PDB file of N, CA and C in Angstrom:
ATOM      1  N   UNK A   1     -15.182 -32.949 -71.755  1.00  0.00           N
ATOM      2  CA  UNK A   1     -15.419 -31.871 -70.806  1.00  0.00           C
ATOM      3  C   UNK A   1     -14.912 -32.300 -69.430  1.00  0.00           C
ATOM      4  N   UNK A   2     -14.112 -31.448 -68.816  1.00  0.00           N
ATOM      5  CA  UNK A   2     -13.547 -31.807 -67.520  1.00  0.00           C
ATOM      6  C   UNK A   2     -14.596 -31.605 -66.423  1.00  0.00           C
ATOM      7  N   UNK A   3     -14.483 -32.381 -65.347  1.00  0.00           N
ATOM      8  CA  UNK A   3     -15.443 -32.252 -64.243  1.00  0.00           C
ATOM      9  C   UNK A   3     -15.234 -30.931 -63.504  1.00  0.00           C
ATOM     10  N   UNK A   4     -16.296 -30.443 -62.880  1.00  0.00           N
ATOM     11  CA  UNK A   4     -16.189 -29.223 -62.087  1.00  0.00           C
ATOM     12  C   UNK A   4     -15.360 -29.513 -60.849  1.00  0.00           C
ATOM     13  N   UNK A   5     -14.523 -28.548 -60.428  1.00  0.00           N
ATOM     14  CA  UNK A   5     -13.757 -28.770 -59.197  1.00  0.00           C
ATOM     15  C   UNK A   5     -14.678 -28.784 -57.977  1.00  0.00           C
ATOM     16  N   UNK A   6     -14.390 -29.680 -57.066  1.00  0.00           N
ATOM     17  CA  UNK A   6     -15.167 -29.779 -55.833  1.00  0.00           C
ATOM     18  C   UNK A   6     -14.903 -28.560 -54.960  1.00  0.00           C
ATOM     19  N   UNK A   7     -15.949 -28.002 -54.379  1.00  0.00           N
ATOM     20  CA  UNK A   7     -15.805 -26.811 -53.544  1.00  0.00           C
ATOM     21  C   UNK A   7     -15.339 -27.192 -52.147  1.00  0.00           C
ATOM     22  N   UNK A   8     -14.356 -26.458 -51.639  1.00  0.00           N
ATOM     23  CA  UNK A   8     -13.835 -26.685 -50.293  1.00  0.00           C
ATOM     24  C   UNK A   8     -13.538 -25.331 -49.656  1.00  0.00           C
ATOM     25  N   UNK A   9     -13.145 -25.363 -48.394  1.00  0.00           N
ATOM     26  CA  UNK A   9     -12.789 -24.123 -47.696  1.00  0.00           C
ATOM     27  C   UNK A   9     -11.365 -23.708 -48.061  1.00  0.00           C
ATOM     28  N   UNK A  10     -11.062 -22.464 -47.785  1.00  0.00           N
ATOM     29  CA  UNK A  10      -9.719 -21.961 -48.040  1.00  0.00           C
ATOM     30  C   UNK A  10      -8.672 -22.681 -47.211  1.00  0.00           C
ATOM     31  N   UNK A  11      -9.001 -23.008 -45.965  1.00  0.00           N
ATOM     32  CA  UNK A  11      -8.033 -23.702 -45.093  1.00  0.00           C
ATOM     33  C   UNK A  11      -7.722 -25.104 -45.606  1.00  0.00           C
ATOM     34  N   UNK A  12      -8.744 -25.796 -46.108  1.00  0.00           N
ATOM     35  CA  UNK A  12      -8.507 -27.130 -46.667  1.00  0.00           C
ATOM     36  C   UNK A  12      -7.649 -27.033 -47.921  1.00  0.00           C
ATOM     37  N   UNK A  13      -7.865 -25.987 -48.723  1.00  0.00           N
ATOM     38  CA  UNK A  13      -7.057 -25.803 -49.926  1.00  0.00           C
ATOM     39  C   UNK A  13      -5.607 -25.512 -49.555  1.00  0.00           C
ATOM     40  N   UNK A  14      -5.395 -24.739 -48.493  1.00  0.00           N
ATOM     41  CA  UNK A  14      -4.032 -24.463 -48.028  1.00  0.00           C
ATOM     42  C   UNK A  14      -3.342 -25.780 -47.648  1.00  0.00           C
ATOM     43  N   UNK A  15      -4.031 -26.651 -46.914  1.00  0.00           N
ATOM     44  CA  UNK A  15      -3.459 -27.942 -46.519  1.00  0.00           C
ATOM     45  C   UNK A  15      -3.148 -28.805 -47.740  1.00  0.00           C
ATOM     46  N   UNK A  16      -4.034 -28.769 -48.730  1.00  0.00           N
ATOM     47  CA  UNK A  16      -3.815 -29.537 -49.952  1.00  0.00           C
ATOM     48  C   UNK A  16      -2.572 -29.018 -50.685  1.00  0.00           C
ATOM     49  N   UNK A  17      -2.433 -27.694 -50.760  1.00  0.00           N
ATOM     50  CA  UNK A  17      -1.268 -27.120 -51.428  1.00  0.00           C
ATOM     51  C   UNK A  17       0.015 -27.408 -50.658  1.00  0.00           C
ATOM     52  N   UNK A  18      -0.068 -27.473 -49.329  1.00  0.00           N
ATOM     53  CA  UNK A  18       1.114 -27.836 -48.543  1.00  0.00           C
ATOM     54  C   UNK A  18       1.558 -29.256 -48.884  1.00  0.00           C
ATOM     55  N   UNK A  19       0.609 -30.156 -49.127  1.00  0.00           N
ATOM     56  CA  UNK A  19       0.939 -31.527 -49.534  1.00  0.00           C
ATOM     57  C   UNK A  19       1.623 -31.536 -50.896  1.00  0.00           C
ATOM     58  N   UNK A  20       1.317 -30.542 -51.730  1.00  0.00           N
ATOM     59  CA  UNK A  20       1.900 -30.457 -53.070  1.00  0.00           C
ATOM     60  C   UNK A  20       3.242 -29.729 -53.080  1.00  0.00           C
ATOM     61  N   UNK A  21       3.739 -29.338 -51.900  1.00  0.00           N
ATOM     62  CA  UNK A  21       5.051 -28.709 -51.815  1.00  0.00           C
ATOM     63  C   UNK A  21       5.031 -27.195 -51.691  1.00  0.00           C
ATOM     64  N   UNK A  22       3.877 -26.606 -51.527  1.00  0.00           N
ATOM     65  CA  UNK A  22       3.780 -25.159 -51.343  1.00  0.00           C
ATOM     66  C   UNK A  22       4.002 -24.810 -49.872  1.00  0.00           C
ATOM     67  N   UNK A  23       4.544 -23.618 -49.644  1.00  0.00           N
ATOM     68  CA  UNK A  23       4.767 -23.129 -48.286  1.00  0.00           C
ATOM     69  C   UNK A  23       4.109 -21.767 -48.140  1.00  0.00           C
ATOM     70  N   UNK A  24       3.614 -21.493 -46.939  1.00  0.00           N
ATOM     71  CA  UNK A  24       3.043 -20.170 -46.669  1.00  0.00           C
ATOM     72  C   UNK A  24       4.164 -19.145 -46.685  1.00  0.00           C
ATOM     73  N   UNK A  25       3.968 -18.103 -47.452  1.00  0.00           N
ATOM     74  CA  UNK A  25       4.957 -17.033 -47.529  1.00  0.00           C
ATOM     75  C   UNK A  25       4.526 -15.878 -46.641  1.00  0.00           C
ATOM     76  N   UNK A  26       3.250 -15.508 -46.745  1.00  0.00           N
ATOM     77  CA  UNK A  26       2.740 -14.408 -45.936  1.00  0.00           C
ATOM     78  C   UNK A  26       1.224 -14.472 -45.891  1.00  0.00           C
ATOM     79  N   UNK A  27       0.649 -13.637 -45.033  1.00  0.00           N
ATOM     80  CA  UNK A  27      -0.797 -13.530 -44.959  1.00  0.00           C
ATOM     81  C   UNK A  27      -1.145 -12.080 -44.704  1.00  0.00           C
ATOM     82  N   UNK A  28      -2.092 -11.590 -45.478  1.00  0.00           N
ATOM     83  CA  UNK A  28      -2.570 -10.216 -45.286  1.00  0.00           C
ATOM     84  C   UNK A  28      -4.084 -10.281 -45.179  1.00  0.00           C
ATOM     85  N   UNK A  29      -4.586 -10.043 -44.002  1.00  0.00           N
ATOM     86  CA  UNK A  29      -6.019 -10.181 -43.782  1.00  0.00           C
ATOM     87  C   UNK A  29      -6.420 -11.629 -43.927  1.00  0.00           C
ATOM     88  N   UNK A  30      -7.387 -11.879 -44.801  1.00  0.00           N
ATOM     89  CA  UNK A  30      -7.861 -13.255 -44.976  1.00  0.00           C
ATOM     90  C   UNK A  30      -7.249 -13.925 -46.203  1.00  0.00           C
ATOM     91  N   UNK A  31      -6.201 -13.337 -46.778  1.00  0.00           N
ATOM     92  CA  UNK A  31      -5.591 -13.909 -47.972  1.00  0.00           C
ATOM     93  C   UNK A  31      -4.204 -14.460 -47.654  1.00  0.00           C
ATOM     94  N   UNK A  32      -4.001 -15.732 -48.004  1.00  0.00           N
ATOM     95  CA  UNK A  32      -2.759 -16.437 -47.697  1.00  0.00           C
ATOM     96  C   UNK A  32      -1.960 -16.601 -48.986  1.00  0.00           C
ATOM     97  N   UNK A  33      -0.716 -16.143 -48.964  1.00  0.00           N
ATOM     98  CA  UNK A  33       0.166 -16.258 -50.125  1.00  0.00           C
ATOM     99  C   UNK A  33       1.020 -17.497 -49.949  1.00  0.00           C
ATOM    100  N   UNK A  34       1.012 -18.364 -50.976  1.00  0.00           N
ATOM    101  CA  UNK A  34       1.787 -19.604 -50.910  1.00  0.00           C
ATOM    102  C   UNK A  34       2.682 -19.711 -52.142  1.00  0.00           C
ATOM    103  N   UNK A  35       3.856 -20.318 -51.944  1.00  0.00           N
ATOM    104  CA  UNK A  35       4.819 -20.443 -53.035  1.00  0.00           C
ATOM    105  C   UNK A  35       5.394 -21.846 -53.070  1.00  0.00           C
ATOM    106  N   UNK A  36       5.589 -22.344 -54.282  1.00  0.00           N
ATOM    107  CA  UNK A  36       6.260 -23.617 -54.496  1.00  0.00           C
ATOM    108  C   UNK A  36       7.672 -23.293 -54.964  1.00  0.00           C
ATOM    109  N   UNK A  37       8.680 -23.623 -54.151  1.00  0.00           N
ATOM    110  CA  UNK A  37      10.059 -23.286 -54.496  1.00  0.00           C
ATOM    111  C   UNK A  37      10.558 -24.052 -55.716  1.00  0.00           C
ATOM    112  N   UNK A  38      10.030 -25.251 -55.953  1.00  0.00           N
ATOM    113  CA  UNK A  38      10.476 -26.055 -57.090  1.00  0.00           C
ATOM    114  C   UNK A  38      10.024 -25.455 -58.420  1.00  0.00           C
ATOM    115  N   UNK A  39       8.781 -25.013 -58.491  1.00  0.00           N
ATOM    116  CA  UNK A  39       8.231 -24.491 -59.745  1.00  0.00           C
ATOM    117  C   UNK A  39       8.237 -22.970 -59.802  1.00  0.00           C
ATOM    118  N   UNK A  40       8.355 -22.315 -58.654  1.00  0.00           N
ATOM    119  CA  UNK A  40       8.299 -20.863 -58.600  1.00  0.00           C
ATOM    120  C   UNK A  40       6.878 -20.327 -58.645  1.00  0.00           C
ATOM    121  N   UNK A  41       5.907 -21.216 -58.634  1.00  0.00           N
ATOM    122  CA  UNK A  41       4.501 -20.841 -58.703  1.00  0.00           C
ATOM    123  C   UNK A  41       4.052 -20.186 -57.395  1.00  0.00           C
ATOM    124  N   UNK A  42       3.307 -19.089 -57.514  1.00  0.00           N
ATOM    125  CA  UNK A  42       2.777 -18.368 -56.355  1.00  0.00           C
ATOM    126  C   UNK A  42       1.260 -18.279 -56.516  1.00  0.00           C
ATOM    127  N   UNK A  43       0.530 -18.590 -55.442  1.00  0.00           N
ATOM    128  CA  UNK A  43      -0.927 -18.483 -55.448  1.00  0.00           C
ATOM    129  C   UNK A  43      -1.384 -17.745 -54.199  1.00  0.00           C
ATOM    130  N   UNK A  44      -2.516 -17.069 -54.328  1.00  0.00           N
ATOM    131  CA  UNK A  44      -3.148 -16.377 -53.207  1.00  0.00           C
ATOM    132  C   UNK A  44      -4.449 -17.111 -52.915  1.00  0.00           C
ATOM    133  N   UNK A  45      -4.604 -17.587 -51.678  1.00  0.00           N
ATOM    134  CA  UNK A  45      -5.795 -18.350 -51.296  1.00  0.00           C
ATOM    135  C   UNK A  45      -6.565 -17.575 -50.238  1.00  0.00           C
ATOM    136  N   UNK A  46      -7.827 -17.208 -50.537  1.00  0.00           N
ATOM    137  CA  UNK A  46      -8.641 -16.535 -49.527  1.00  0.00           C
ATOM    138  C   UNK A  46      -9.069 -17.525 -48.445  1.00  0.00           C
ATOM    139  N   UNK A  47      -9.013 -17.108 -47.203  1.00  0.00           N
ATOM    140  CA  UNK A  47      -9.397 -17.971 -46.079  1.00  0.00           C
ATOM    141  C   UNK A  47     -10.902 -17.826 -45.840  1.00  0.00           C
ATOM    142  N   UNK A  48     -11.693 -18.406 -46.741  1.00  0.00           N
ATOM    143  CA  UNK A  48     -13.147 -18.342 -46.659  1.00  0.00           C
ATOM    144  C   UNK A  48     -13.700 -19.721 -46.330  1.00  0.00           C
ATOM    145  N   UNK A  49     -14.918 -19.763 -45.788  1.00  0.00           N
ATOM    146  CA  UNK A  49     -15.543 -21.044 -45.429  1.00  0.00           C
ATOM    147  C   UNK A  49     -15.758 -21.912 -46.662  1.00  0.00           C
ATOM    148  N   UNK A  50     -16.134 -21.305 -47.780  1.00  0.00           N
ATOM    149  CA  UNK A  50     -16.259 -22.034 -49.040  1.00  0.00           C
ATOM    150  C   UNK A  50     -15.810 -21.095 -50.145  1.00  0.00           C
ATOM    151  N   UNK A  51     -14.869 -21.575 -50.949  1.00  0.00           N
ATOM    152  CA  UNK A  51     -14.351 -20.755 -52.036  1.00  0.00           C
ATOM    153  C   UNK A  51     -15.345 -20.724 -53.191  1.00  0.00           C
ATOM    154  N   UNK A  52     -15.441 -19.600 -53.840  1.00  0.00           N
ATOM    155  CA  UNK A  52     -16.246 -19.464 -55.042  1.00  0.00           C
ATOM    156  C   UNK A  52     -15.615 -20.333 -56.138  1.00  0.00           C
ATOM    157  N   UNK A  53     -16.464 -20.945 -56.958  1.00  0.00           N
ATOM    158  CA  UNK A  53     -15.959 -21.859 -57.996  1.00  0.00           C
ATOM    159  C   UNK A  53     -14.975 -21.167 -58.937  1.00  0.00           C
ATOM    160  N   UNK A  54     -15.246 -19.920 -59.333  1.00  0.00           N
ATOM    161  CA  UNK A  54     -14.351 -19.216 -60.252  1.00  0.00           C
ATOM    162  C   UNK A  54     -13.029 -18.863 -59.576  1.00  0.00           C
ATOM    163  N   UNK A  55     -13.074 -18.523 -58.310  1.00  0.00           N
ATOM    164  CA  UNK A  55     -11.837 -18.258 -57.565  1.00  0.00           C
ATOM    165  C   UNK A  55     -10.998 -19.523 -57.502  1.00  0.00           C
ATOM    166  N   UNK A  56     -11.642 -20.642 -57.194  1.00  0.00           N
ATOM    167  CA  UNK A  56     -10.944 -21.921 -57.115  1.00  0.00           C
ATOM    168  C   UNK A  56     -10.329 -22.291 -58.465  1.00  0.00           C
ATOM    169  N   UNK A  57     -11.088 -22.125 -59.549  1.00  0.00           N
ATOM    170  CA  UNK A  57     -10.576 -22.453 -60.884  1.00  0.00           C
ATOM    171  C   UNK A  57      -9.377 -21.579 -61.241  1.00  0.00           C
ATOM    172  N   UNK A  58      -9.412 -20.314 -60.837  1.00  0.00           N
ATOM    173  CA  UNK A  58      -8.297 -19.407 -61.115  1.00  0.00           C
ATOM    174  C   UNK A  58      -7.048 -19.840 -60.353  1.00  0.00           C
ATOM    175  N   UNK A  59      -7.209 -20.215 -59.098  1.00  0.00           N
ATOM    176  CA  UNK A  59      -6.072 -20.678 -58.289  1.00  0.00           C
ATOM    177  C   UNK A  59      -5.476 -21.944 -58.901  1.00  0.00           C
ATOM    178  N   UNK A  60      -6.320 -22.879 -59.301  1.00  0.00           N
ATOM    179  CA  UNK A  60      -5.834 -24.124 -59.901  1.00  0.00           C
ATOM    180  C   UNK A  60      -5.126 -23.855 -61.224  1.00  0.00           C
ATOM    181  N   UNK A  61      -5.637 -22.907 -61.998  1.00  0.00           N
ATOM    182  CA  UNK A  61      -5.009 -22.561 -63.274  1.00  0.00           C
ATOM    183  C   UNK A  61      -3.621 -21.964 -63.033  1.00  0.00           C
ATOM    184  N   UNK A  62      -3.507 -21.081 -62.033  1.00  0.00           N
ATOM    185  CA  UNK A  62      -2.212 -20.471 -61.715  1.00  0.00           C
ATOM    186  C   UNK A  62      -1.202 -21.523 -61.284  1.00  0.00           C
ATOM    187  N   UNK A  63      -1.679 -22.548 -60.568  1.00  0.00           N
ATOM    188  CA  UNK A  63      -0.795 -23.607 -60.077  1.00  0.00           C
ATOM    189  C   UNK A  63      -0.614 -24.717 -61.115  1.00  0.00           C
ATOM    190  N   UNK A  64      -1.301 -24.590 -62.270  1.00  0.00           N
ATOM    191  CA  UNK A  64      -1.240 -25.588 -63.343  1.00  0.00           C
ATOM    192  C   UNK A  64      -1.664 -26.975 -62.860  1.00  0.00           C
ATOM    193  N   UNK A  65      -2.764 -27.006 -62.099  1.00  0.00           N
ATOM    194  CA  UNK A  65      -3.333 -28.256 -61.602  1.00  0.00           C
ATOM    195  C   UNK A  65      -4.656 -28.477 -62.315  1.00  0.00           C
ATOM    196  N   UNK A  66      -4.771 -29.558 -63.115  1.00  0.00           N
ATOM    197  CA  UNK A  66      -6.040 -29.832 -63.803  1.00  0.00           C
ATOM    198  C   UNK A  66      -7.156 -30.151 -62.804  1.00  0.00           C
ATOM    199  N   UNK A  67      -8.404 -29.806 -63.178  1.00  0.00           N
ATOM    200  CA  UNK A  67      -9.560 -30.039 -62.307  1.00  0.00           C
ATOM    201  C   UNK A  67      -9.653 -31.495 -61.868  1.00  0.00           C
ATOM    202  N   UNK A  68      -9.407 -32.416 -62.784  1.00  0.00           N
ATOM    203  CA  UNK A  68      -9.527 -33.844 -62.469  1.00  0.00           C
ATOM    204  C   UNK A  68      -8.500 -34.257 -61.419  1.00  0.00           C
ATOM    205  N   UNK A  69      -7.258 -33.793 -61.549  1.00  0.00           N
ATOM    206  CA  UNK A  69      -6.208 -34.114 -60.564  1.00  0.00           C
ATOM    207  C   UNK A  69      -6.579 -33.517 -59.211  1.00  0.00           C
ATOM    208  N   UNK A  70      -7.081 -32.294 -59.210  1.00  0.00           N
ATOM    209  CA  UNK A  70      -7.494 -31.635 -57.970  1.00  0.00           C
ATOM    210  C   UNK A  70      -8.601 -32.447 -57.286  1.00  0.00           C
ATOM    211  N   UNK A  71      -9.611 -32.864 -58.038  1.00  0.00           N
ATOM    212  CA  UNK A  71     -10.718 -33.626 -57.463  1.00  0.00           C
ATOM    213  C   UNK A  71     -10.223 -34.925 -56.841  1.00  0.00           C
ATOM    214  N   UNK A  72      -9.260 -35.585 -57.487  1.00  0.00           N
ATOM    215  CA  UNK A  72      -8.703 -36.817 -56.931  1.00  0.00           C
ATOM    216  C   UNK A  72      -7.972 -36.538 -55.607  1.00  0.00           C
ATOM    217  N   UNK A  73      -7.256 -35.431 -55.539  1.00  0.00           N
ATOM    218  CA  UNK A  73      -6.539 -35.064 -54.302  1.00  0.00           C
ATOM    219  C   UNK A  73      -7.514 -34.746 -53.172  1.00  0.00           C
ATOM    220  N   UNK A  74      -8.611 -34.081 -53.491  1.00  0.00           N
ATOM    221  CA  UNK A  74      -9.607 -33.720 -52.475  1.00  0.00           C
ATOM    222  C   UNK A  74     -10.277 -34.965 -51.911  1.00  0.00           C
ATOM    223  N   UNK A  75     -10.526 -35.956 -52.762  1.00  0.00           N
ATOM    224  CA  UNK A  75     -11.234 -37.160 -52.337  1.00  0.00           C
ATOM    225  C   UNK A  75     -10.371 -38.077 -51.457  1.00  0.00           C
ATOM    226  N   UNK A  76      -9.063 -37.867 -51.447  1.00  0.00           N
ATOM    227  CA  UNK A  76      -8.164 -38.724 -50.650  1.00  0.00           C
ATOM    228  C   UNK A  76      -8.343 -38.485 -49.183  1.00  0.00           C
TER     229      UNK A  76
END
């Protein structure tokens, strides 16, 4: 069983995705659209103080990032 992803804010997740090669494409309201040009992956990250666990899991699934790898990146 994989560990639960650690909860963080939307802004911290945006910074983490920027480290992974994603770039901000646009923002509409509190939702930030990011794209990785290498993989073509696109994710929408809500700019909330703390992301809901299911929202976070969905974003990680879209980006094909396993929970364990994500947790290691957050702890750095």
